[in-house]
Amino acid sequence: MCRAISETFEHGMTIVDAKGFYSNSPRTLIYVVVNRFQIIPMKDLVHRIDPTAYITIHEVADVFQMNQDSAPAPKPEPTPEPEP
């Protein structure tokens, strides 16, 4: 599932080991942020892979890229030289 999400939407996700309250069985929680245009393709992809997957959707006001260990720092754009 994670590989398919990563390849389709080209960004990362967070994986959390969890346990079902009623079943007491191990579960995997995948947290991924997509934009509003990606919600339906994401739901379709997930349910093709696992028709019993439980999906929640929450509105996110903003995403900040702090703590990105593997992401390179953005390069500053060069300032244009003034014309003589």
PDB file of N, CA and C in Angstrom:
ATOM      1  N   MET A   1       0.828  -1.187   0.000  1.00  0.00           N
ATOM      2  CA  MET A   1       0.000   0.000   0.000  1.00  0.00           C
ATOM      3  C   MET A   1       0.874   1.255   0.000  1.00  0.00           C
ATOM      4  N   CYS A   2       1.860   1.315   0.892  1.00  0.00           N
ATOM      5  CA  CYS A   2       2.705   2.515   0.984  1.00  0.00           C
ATOM      6  C   CYS A   2       3.471   2.766  -0.311  1.00  0.00           C
ATOM      7  N   ARG A   3       3.987   1.707  -0.910  1.00  0.00           N
ATOM      8  CA  ARG A   3       4.732   1.873  -2.164  1.00  0.00           C
ATOM      9  C   ARG A   3       3.808   2.428  -3.249  1.00  0.00           C
ATOM     10  N   ALA A   4       2.595   1.921  -3.346  1.00  0.00           N
ATOM     11  CA  ALA A   4       1.643   2.389  -4.361  1.00  0.00           C
ATOM     12  C   ALA A   4       1.278   3.858  -4.123  1.00  0.00           C
ATOM     13  N   ILE A   5       1.063   4.227  -2.879  1.00  0.00           N
ATOM     14  CA  ILE A   5       0.744   5.626  -2.554  1.00  0.00           C
ATOM     15  C   ILE A   5       1.918   6.524  -2.911  1.00  0.00           C
ATOM     16  N   SER A   6       3.121   6.110  -2.522  1.00  0.00           N
ATOM     17  CA  SER A   6       4.314   6.908  -2.783  1.00  0.00           C
ATOM     18  C   SER A   6       4.563   7.079  -4.277  1.00  0.00           C
ATOM     19  N   GLU A   7       4.417   6.006  -5.039  1.00  0.00           N
ATOM     20  CA  GLU A   7       4.657   6.079  -6.482  1.00  0.00           C
ATOM     21  C   GLU A   7       3.574   6.889  -7.200  1.00  0.00           C
ATOM     22  N   THR A   8       2.349   6.793  -6.740  1.00  0.00           N
ATOM     23  CA  THR A   8       1.243   7.492  -7.400  1.00  0.00           C
ATOM     24  C   THR A   8       1.246   8.982  -7.092  1.00  0.00           C
ATOM     25  N   PHE A   9       1.457   9.341  -5.826  1.00  0.00           N
ATOM     26  CA  PHE A   9       1.331  10.739  -5.416  1.00  0.00           C
ATOM     27  C   PHE A   9       2.682  11.424  -5.196  1.00  0.00           C
ATOM     28  N   GLU A  10       3.754  10.662  -5.301  1.00  0.00           N
ATOM     29  CA  GLU A  10       5.128  11.177  -5.250  1.00  0.00           C
ATOM     30  C   GLU A  10       5.441  12.014  -4.017  1.00  0.00           C
ATOM     31  N   HIS A  11       4.982  11.541  -2.868  1.00  0.00           N
ATOM     32  CA  HIS A  11       5.420  12.148  -1.616  1.00  0.00           C
ATOM     33  C   HIS A  11       5.335  11.128  -0.497  1.00  0.00           C
ATOM     34  N   GLY A  12       5.883  11.478   0.647  1.00  0.00           N
ATOM     35  CA  GLY A  12       5.999  10.529   1.740  1.00  0.00           C
ATOM     36  C   GLY A  12       4.757  10.422   2.592  1.00  0.00           C
ATOM     37  N   MET A  13       4.881   9.617   3.622  1.00  0.00           N
ATOM     38  CA  MET A  13       3.791   9.391   4.558  1.00  0.00           C
ATOM     39  C   MET A  13       4.379   8.953   5.890  1.00  0.00           C
ATOM     40  N   THR A  14       3.564   8.898   6.899  1.00  0.00           N
ATOM     41  CA  THR A  14       3.984   8.422   8.208  1.00  0.00           C
ATOM     42  C   THR A  14       3.264   7.115   8.494  1.00  0.00           C
ATOM     43  N   ILE A  15       4.001   6.129   8.993  1.00  0.00           N
ATOM     44  CA  ILE A  15       3.431   4.819   9.302  1.00  0.00           C
ATOM     45  C   ILE A  15       3.481   4.634  10.815  1.00  0.00           C
ATOM     46  N   VAL A  16       2.347   4.248  11.396  1.00  0.00           N
ATOM     47  CA  VAL A  16       2.241   4.078  12.847  1.00  0.00           C
ATOM     48  C   VAL A  16       1.740   2.666  13.134  1.00  0.00           C
ATOM     49  N   ASP A  17       2.451   1.949  14.011  1.00  0.00           N
ATOM     50  CA  ASP A  17       1.959   0.647  14.468  1.00  0.00           C
ATOM     51  C   ASP A  17       0.834   0.910  15.467  1.00  0.00           C
ATOM     52  N   ALA A  18      -0.286   0.221  15.289  1.00  0.00           N
ATOM     53  CA  ALA A  18      -1.445   0.441  16.150  1.00  0.00           C
ATOM     54  C   ALA A  18      -2.065  -0.909  16.518  1.00  0.00           C
ATOM     55  N   LYS A  19      -3.042  -0.863  17.414  1.00  0.00           N
ATOM     56  CA  LYS A  19      -3.748  -2.072  17.818  1.00  0.00           C
ATOM     57  C   LYS A  19      -5.232  -1.762  17.866  1.00  0.00           C
ATOM     58  N   GLY A  20      -6.044  -2.616  17.259  1.00  0.00           N
ATOM     59  CA  GLY A  20      -7.492  -2.430  17.274  1.00  0.00           C
ATOM     60  C   GLY A  20      -8.041  -2.590  18.677  1.00  0.00           C
ATOM     61  N   PHE A  21      -8.934  -1.692  19.079  1.00  0.00           N
ATOM     62  CA  PHE A  21      -9.482  -1.750  20.435  1.00  0.00           C
ATOM     63  C   PHE A  21     -10.350  -2.988  20.632  1.00  0.00           C
ATOM     64  N   TYR A  22     -11.307  -3.217  19.755  1.00  0.00           N
ATOM     65  CA  TYR A  22     -12.219  -4.342  19.915  1.00  0.00           C
ATOM     66  C   TYR A  22     -11.566  -5.667  19.552  1.00  0.00           C
ATOM     67  N   SER A  23     -10.811  -5.685  18.468  1.00  0.00           N
ATOM     68  CA  SER A  23     -10.219  -6.944  18.016  1.00  0.00           C
ATOM     69  C   SER A  23      -8.915  -7.273  18.734  1.00  0.00           C
ATOM     70  N   ASN A  24      -8.285  -6.249  19.300  1.00  0.00           N
ATOM     71  CA  ASN A  24      -6.985  -6.406  19.956  1.00  0.00           C
ATOM     72  C   ASN A  24      -5.923  -6.924  18.983  1.00  0.00           C
ATOM     73  N   SER A  25      -6.146  -6.745  17.698  1.00  0.00           N
ATOM     74  CA  SER A  25      -5.195  -7.231  16.697  1.00  0.00           C
ATOM     75  C   SER A  25      -4.343  -6.072  16.177  1.00  0.00           C
ATOM     76  N   PRO A  26      -3.118  -6.392  15.736  1.00  0.00           N
ATOM     77  CA  PRO A  26      -2.233  -5.333  15.243  1.00  0.00           C
ATOM     78  C   PRO A  26      -2.761  -4.718  13.952  1.00  0.00           C
ATOM     79  N   ARG A  27      -2.568  -3.439  13.831  1.00  0.00           N
ATOM     80  CA  ARG A  27      -2.990  -2.680  12.654  1.00  0.00           C
ATOM     81  C   ARG A  27      -1.851  -1.765  12.244  1.00  0.00           C
ATOM     82  N   THR A  28      -1.909  -1.270  11.021  1.00  0.00           N
ATOM     83  CA  THR A  28      -0.960  -0.275  10.554  1.00  0.00           C
ATOM     84  C   THR A  28      -1.744   0.964  10.155  1.00  0.00           C
ATOM     85  N   LEU A  29      -1.370   2.084  10.703  1.00  0.00           N
ATOM     86  CA  LEU A  29      -2.006   3.354  10.382  1.00  0.00           C
ATOM     87  C   LEU A  29      -1.077   4.101   9.438  1.00  0.00           C
ATOM     88  N   ILE A  30      -1.589   4.511   8.296  1.00  0.00           N
ATOM     89  CA  ILE A  30      -0.800   5.269   7.326  1.00  0.00           C
ATOM     90  C   ILE A  30      -1.368   6.674   7.284  1.00  0.00           C
ATOM     91  N   TYR A  31      -0.533   7.653   7.571  1.00  0.00           N
ATOM     92  CA  TYR A  31      -0.959   9.055   7.565  1.00  0.00           C
ATOM     93  C   TYR A  31      -0.319   9.730   6.365  1.00  0.00           C
ATOM     94  N   VAL A  32      -1.157  10.231   5.472  1.00  0.00           N
ATOM     95  CA  VAL A  32      -0.650  10.879   4.268  1.00  0.00           C
ATOM     96  C   VAL A  32      -1.489  12.122   4.003  1.00  0.00           C
ATOM     97  N   VAL A  33      -0.837  13.185   3.573  1.00  0.00           N
ATOM     98  CA  VAL A  33      -1.525  14.429   3.258  1.00  0.00           C
ATOM     99  C   VAL A  33      -1.604  14.563   1.745  1.00  0.00           C
ATOM    100  N   VAL A  34      -2.827  14.740   1.242  1.00  0.00           N
ATOM    101  CA  VAL A  34      -3.033  14.950  -0.183  1.00  0.00           C
ATOM    102  C   VAL A  34      -3.866  16.212  -0.360  1.00  0.00           C
ATOM    103  N   ASN A  35      -3.813  16.777  -1.552  1.00  0.00           N
ATOM    104  CA  ASN A  35      -4.654  17.952  -1.799  1.00  0.00           C
ATOM    105  C   ASN A  35      -6.067  17.496  -2.174  1.00  0.00           C
ATOM    106  N   ARG A  36      -6.973  18.433  -2.273  1.00  0.00           N
ATOM    107  CA  ARG A  36      -8.381  18.077  -2.488  1.00  0.00           C
ATOM    108  C   ARG A  36      -8.633  17.383  -3.822  1.00  0.00           C
ATOM    109  N   PHE A  37      -7.777  17.604  -4.797  1.00  0.00           N
ATOM    110  CA  PHE A  37      -7.936  16.952  -6.094  1.00  0.00           C
ATOM    111  C   PHE A  37      -7.462  15.494  -6.064  1.00  0.00           C
ATOM    112  N   GLN A  38      -6.696  15.143  -5.047  1.00  0.00           N
ATOM    113  CA  GLN A  38      -6.151  13.788  -4.941  1.00  0.00           C
ATOM    114  C   GLN A  38      -6.982  12.868  -4.050  1.00  0.00           C
ATOM    115  N   ILE A  39      -8.031  13.388  -3.420  1.00  0.00           N
ATOM    116  CA  ILE A  39      -8.800  12.579  -2.468  1.00  0.00           C
ATOM    117  C   ILE A  39      -9.462  11.381  -3.149  1.00  0.00           C
ATOM    118  N   ILE A  40     -10.176  11.598  -4.224  1.00  0.00           N
ATOM    119  CA  ILE A  40     -10.869  10.484  -4.884  1.00  0.00           C
ATOM    120  C   ILE A  40      -9.878   9.475  -5.473  1.00  0.00           C
ATOM    121  N   PRO A  41      -8.813   9.925  -6.187  1.00  0.00           N
ATOM    122  CA  PRO A  41      -7.829   8.929  -6.647  1.00  0.00           C
ATOM    123  C   PRO A  41      -7.184   8.162  -5.485  1.00  0.00           C
ATOM    124  N   MET A  42      -6.967   8.834  -4.330  1.00  0.00           N
ATOM    125  CA  MET A  42      -6.384   8.159  -3.164  1.00  0.00           C
ATOM    126  C   MET A  42      -7.345   7.092  -2.643  1.00  0.00           C
ATOM    127  N   LYS A  43      -8.627   7.440  -2.494  1.00  0.00           N
ATOM    128  CA  LYS A  43      -9.606   6.462  -2.016  1.00  0.00           C
ATOM    129  C   LYS A  43      -9.716   5.287  -2.975  1.00  0.00           C
ATOM    130  N   ASP A  44      -9.733   5.554  -4.272  1.00  0.00           N
ATOM    131  CA  ASP A  44      -9.817   4.479  -5.262  1.00  0.00           C
ATOM    132  C   ASP A  44      -8.606   3.550  -5.181  1.00  0.00           C
ATOM    133  N   LEU A  45      -7.422   4.135  -5.071  1.00  0.00           N
ATOM    134  CA  LEU A  45      -6.188   3.351  -4.983  1.00  0.00           C
ATOM    135  C   LEU A  45      -6.195   2.468  -3.736  1.00  0.00           C
ATOM    136  N   VAL A  46      -6.513   3.057  -2.602  1.00  0.00           N
ATOM    137  CA  VAL A  46      -6.506   2.307  -1.336  1.00  0.00           C
ATOM    138  C   VAL A  46      -7.515   1.166  -1.390  1.00  0.00           C
ATOM    139  N   HIS A  47      -8.732   1.425  -1.868  1.00  0.00           N
ATOM    140  CA  HIS A  47      -9.746   0.372  -1.886  1.00  0.00           C
ATOM    141  C   HIS A  47      -9.506  -0.685  -2.960  1.00  0.00           C
ATOM    142  N   ARG A  48      -8.736  -0.355  -3.997  1.00  0.00           N
ATOM    143  CA  ARG A  48      -8.328  -1.397  -4.949  1.00  0.00           C
ATOM    144  C   ARG A  48      -7.370  -2.381  -4.285  1.00  0.00           C
ATOM    145  N   ILE A  49      -6.491  -1.847  -3.434  1.00  0.00           N
ATOM    146  CA  ILE A  49      -5.497  -2.685  -2.760  1.00  0.00           C
ATOM    147  C   ILE A  49      -6.113  -3.410  -1.569  1.00  0.00           C
ATOM    148  N   ASP A  50      -6.917  -2.691  -0.772  1.00  0.00           N
ATOM    149  CA  ASP A  50      -7.547  -3.272   0.414  1.00  0.00           C
ATOM    150  C   ASP A  50      -8.984  -2.763   0.527  1.00  0.00           C
ATOM    151  N   PRO A  51      -9.936  -3.536   0.031  1.00  0.00           N
ATOM    152  CA  PRO A  51     -11.337  -3.094   0.053  1.00  0.00           C
ATOM    153  C   PRO A  51     -11.892  -2.869   1.454  1.00  0.00           C
ATOM    154  N   THR A  52     -11.235  -3.400   2.479  1.00  0.00           N
ATOM    155  CA  THR A  52     -11.726  -3.229   3.850  1.00  0.00           C
ATOM    156  C   THR A  52     -11.014  -2.100   4.597  1.00  0.00           C
ATOM    157  N   ALA A  53     -10.157  -1.368   3.913  1.00  0.00           N
ATOM    158  CA  ALA A  53      -9.393  -0.290   4.565  1.00  0.00           C
ATOM    159  C   ALA A  53     -10.338   0.783   5.098  1.00  0.00           C
ATOM    160  N   TYR A  54     -10.005   1.314   6.237  1.00  0.00           N
ATOM    161  CA  TYR A  54     -10.761   2.378   6.880  1.00  0.00           C
ATOM    162  C   TYR A  54     -10.051   3.692   6.576  1.00  0.00           C
ATOM    163  N   ILE A  55     -10.756   4.636   5.988  1.00  0.00           N
ATOM    164  CA  ILE A  55     -10.151   5.911   5.580  1.00  0.00           C
ATOM    165  C   ILE A  55     -10.853   7.046   6.301  1.00  0.00           C
ATOM    166  N   THR A  56     -10.078   7.945   6.884  1.00  0.00           N
ATOM    167  CA  THR A  56     -10.639   9.174   7.445  1.00  0.00           C
ATOM    168  C   THR A  56     -10.064  10.348   6.668  1.00  0.00           C
ATOM    169  N   ILE A  57     -10.861  11.387   6.522  1.00  0.00           N
ATOM    170  CA  ILE A  57     -10.427  12.574   5.792  1.00  0.00           C
ATOM    171  C   ILE A  57     -10.613  13.777   6.695  1.00  0.00           C
ATOM    172  N   HIS A  58      -9.547  14.541   6.859  1.00  0.00           N
ATOM    173  CA  HIS A  58      -9.572  15.741   7.695  1.00  0.00           C
ATOM    174  C   HIS A  58      -9.069  16.918   6.878  1.00  0.00           C
ATOM    175  N   GLU A  59      -9.653  18.063   7.096  1.00  0.00           N
ATOM    176  CA  GLU A  59      -9.174  19.266   6.424  1.00  0.00           C
ATOM    177  C   GLU A  59      -7.921  19.764   7.140  1.00  0.00           C
ATOM    178  N   VAL A  60      -6.924  20.119   6.357  1.00  0.00           N
ATOM    179  CA  VAL A  60      -5.660  20.619   6.898  1.00  0.00           C
ATOM    180  C   VAL A  60      -5.491  22.060   6.436  1.00  0.00           C
ATOM    181  N   ALA A  61      -5.206  22.960   7.374  1.00  0.00           N
ATOM    182  CA  ALA A  61      -5.060  24.366   7.024  1.00  0.00           C
ATOM    183  C   ALA A  61      -3.746  24.641   6.318  1.00  0.00           C
ATOM    184  N   ASP A  62      -2.670  23.990   6.743  1.00  0.00           N
ATOM    185  CA  ASP A  62      -1.359  24.238   6.149  1.00  0.00           C
ATOM    186  C   ASP A  62      -0.419  23.105   6.525  1.00  0.00           C
ATOM    187  N   VAL A  63       0.632  22.929   5.747  1.00  0.00           N
ATOM    188  CA  VAL A  63       1.654  21.927   6.021  1.00  0.00           C
ATOM    189  C   VAL A  63       3.002  22.630   5.977  1.00  0.00           C
ATOM    190  N   PHE A  64       3.793  22.439   7.023  1.00  0.00           N
ATOM    191  CA  PHE A  64       5.121  23.041   7.090  1.00  0.00           C
ATOM    192  C   PHE A  64       6.160  21.940   6.942  1.00  0.00           C
ATOM    193  N   GLN A  65       7.239  22.211   6.233  1.00  0.00           N
ATOM    194  CA  GLN A  65       8.274  21.209   5.996  1.00  0.00           C
ATOM    195  C   GLN A  65       9.397  21.325   7.005  1.00  0.00           C
ATOM    196  N   MET A  66       9.090  21.233   8.246  1.00  0.00           N
ATOM    197  CA  MET A  66      10.124  21.214   9.269  1.00  0.00           C
ATOM    198  C   MET A  66      10.468  19.750   9.546  1.00  0.00           C
ATOM    199  N   ASN A  67      11.677  19.497  10.003  1.00  0.00           N
ATOM    200  CA  ASN A  67      12.106  18.142  10.350  1.00  0.00           C
ATOM    201  C   ASN A  67      12.184  17.209   9.156  1.00  0.00           C
ATOM    202  N   GLN A  68      12.493  17.716   7.997  1.00  0.00           N
ATOM    203  CA  GLN A  68      12.633  16.879   6.806  1.00  0.00           C
ATOM    204  C   GLN A  68      14.081  16.420   6.713  1.00  0.00           C
ATOM    205  N   ASP A  69      14.404  15.304   7.368  1.00  0.00           N
ATOM    206  CA  ASP A  69      15.778  14.809   7.417  1.00  0.00           C
ATOM    207  C   ASP A  69      16.352  14.521   6.035  1.00  0.00           C
ATOM    208  N   SER A  70      15.558  13.945   5.148  1.00  0.00           N
ATOM    209  CA  SER A  70      16.094  13.531   3.855  1.00  0.00           C
ATOM    210  C   SER A  70      15.873  14.573   2.756  1.00  0.00           C
ATOM    211  N   ALA A  71      15.090  15.583   3.050  1.00  0.00           N
ATOM    212  CA  ALA A  71      14.816  16.592   2.018  1.00  0.00           C
ATOM    213  C   ALA A  71      15.929  17.630   1.997  1.00  0.00           C
ATOM    214  N   PRO A  72      16.478  17.913   0.824  1.00  0.00           N
ATOM    215  CA  PRO A  72      17.527  18.931   0.759  1.00  0.00           C
ATOM    216  C   PRO A  72      16.944  20.326   1.000  1.00  0.00           C
ATOM    217  N   ALA A  73      17.778  21.190   1.553  1.00  0.00           N
ATOM    218  CA  ALA A  73      17.339  22.569   1.784  1.00  0.00           C
ATOM    219  C   ALA A  73      17.076  23.246   0.443  1.00  0.00           C
ATOM    220  N   PRO A  74      16.025  24.043   0.379  1.00  0.00           N
ATOM    221  CA  PRO A  74      15.748  24.716  -0.896  1.00  0.00           C
ATOM    222  C   PRO A  74      16.866  25.681  -1.253  1.00  0.00           C
ATOM    223  N   LYS A  75      17.190  25.729  -2.536  1.00  0.00           N
ATOM    224  CA  LYS A  75      18.239  26.625  -3.011  1.00  0.00           C
ATOM    225  C   LYS A  75      17.637  28.005  -3.247  1.00  0.00           C
ATOM    226  N   PRO A  76      18.320  29.049  -2.802  1.00  0.00           N
ATOM    227  CA  PRO A  76      17.779  30.388  -3.057  1.00  0.00           C
ATOM    228  C   PRO A  76      17.829  30.701  -4.546  1.00  0.00           C
ATOM    229  N   GLU A  77      16.799  31.392  -5.008  1.00  0.00           N
ATOM    230  CA  GLU A  77      16.769  31.762  -6.418  1.00  0.00           C
ATOM    231  C   GLU A  77      17.765  32.889  -6.657  1.00  0.00           C
ATOM    232  N   PRO A  78      18.485  32.826  -7.780  1.00  0.00           N
ATOM    233  CA  PRO A  78      19.472  33.893  -8.046  1.00  0.00           C
ATOM    234  C   PRO A  78      18.761  35.222  -8.299  1.00  0.00           C
ATOM    235  N   THR A  79      19.375  36.265  -7.804  1.00  0.00           N
ATOM    236  CA  THR A  79      18.804  37.587  -8.030  1.00  0.00           C
ATOM    237  C   THR A  79      19.297  38.112  -9.380  1.00  0.00           C
ATOM    238  N   PRO A  80      18.393  38.641 -10.164  1.00  0.00           N
ATOM    239  CA  PRO A  80      18.814  39.142 -11.484  1.00  0.00           C
ATOM    240  C   PRO A  80      19.744  40.345 -11.333  1.00  0.00           C
ATOM    241  N   GLU A  81      20.712  40.384 -12.220  1.00  0.00           N
ATOM    242  CA  GLU A  81      21.648  41.523 -12.194  1.00  0.00           C
ATOM    243  C   GLU A  81      20.983  42.726 -12.842  1.00  0.00           C
ATOM    244  N   PRO A  82      21.221  43.915 -12.295  1.00  0.00           N
ATOM    245  CA  PRO A  82      20.606  45.102 -12.894  1.00  0.00           C
ATOM    246  C   PRO A  82      21.202  45.380 -14.261  1.00  0.00           C
ATOM    247  N   GLU A  83      20.341  45.866 -15.154  1.00  0.00           N
ATOM    248  CA  GLU A  83      20.834  46.192 -16.496  1.00  0.00           C
ATOM    249  C   GLU A  83      21.591  47.514 -16.451  1.00  0.00           C
ATOM    250  N   PRO A  84      22.699  47.613 -17.244  1.00  0.00           N
ATOM    251  CA  PRO A  84      23.488  48.853 -17.212  1.00  0.00           C
ATOM    252  C   PRO A  84      22.793  50.018 -17.905  1.00  0.00           C
TER     253      PRO A  84
END
